[in-house]
Amino acid sequence: MRFFSRKNKKKVTFKSFFWGFTKVIAIFSIVGLIAWVIIISNPTKFLNVSVKWDLDERLPLSQNLLINKIQPQLNDKYNIDLRQIKETIEQEPWVENAHVKRLFWNYIKIKVDAKTVAMRWKDEKCIDNAELPNCLGFISNRGELFIPDRIIESDAIYAISNTEIDTIETLYSDYKIYKSILQPMIIKTIIRTNIDKLVIEPNITVILGYKKQEERLARFKKAYTKLRKKSKKVDQAIFDMRYPKGFSMGYK
């Protein structure tokens, strides 16, 4: 058995205290160093939201434009609202759908689908006054009218009508029926004001009126096919099909 004198006990106690104090100082020094490194390294950079974009190649919008649109939502680093980002992007007329997915807490992926142009569109009010605002737009392959800030070049059929949703939907639906009746003839323009009127390649105008349009269009095709065998002049004709059993024909 070993015995320690009171003097030895004091030495042991002082030595333990010294090493304990040194450890505390070392720990505080390390913590202080870490805090200093964090401060000078600007830790908010690590909190910035990163976005991986997947844009439809048909989309006539720049990535920078979309970034600017959603920047207010990205500024809140601690509470990213994916639904709000989706809704903000889908407010753009050219956007069909926006798919927003979180890959990590501050890393999101945004996939943007563009609308498909089925028809070019012109407001009937602009026929006589092209200076009016929002004269031009497009009808998508879902039968929806959209009027973007940027009007792109397109070879799609031209449609002229008012802006009412029901008018646009039935116009697009009827166009598909008219197209199937006339094949292989090609419709260039469909005009729906108080009556329906078509312009067909190369330069044929067909007035269908406001009722029995399908029946009248089938009757036109039959008459045109017969007349075309006799003269190419009918390619420049105006056919008024609003008569009960016949039609009138003139030239432009």
Foldseek 3Di string as FASTA:
>chain_A
DDDDDPVVVVVVVVVVVVVVVVVVVVVVVVVVVVVVVCVVVPCVVVLQAAEAEAEDPPQPDDPVVLCVQCVVQRVPSQDRDQVVSFVSVVVALQWPGWDWADPDSRYIYIYTDGFAFQEKEAEQVCPVPVPDPQGTFGQGPQLATTRHPDDDDDQHAYEYYHRDSVVSNVVSVVVVVLPVLQPPWAWRYWYDYQFIWTATPPGEIETQGNPPSNVLSNVVNVVCVVVCVVDVQNNQKYWYSPDPPGIDIDGD
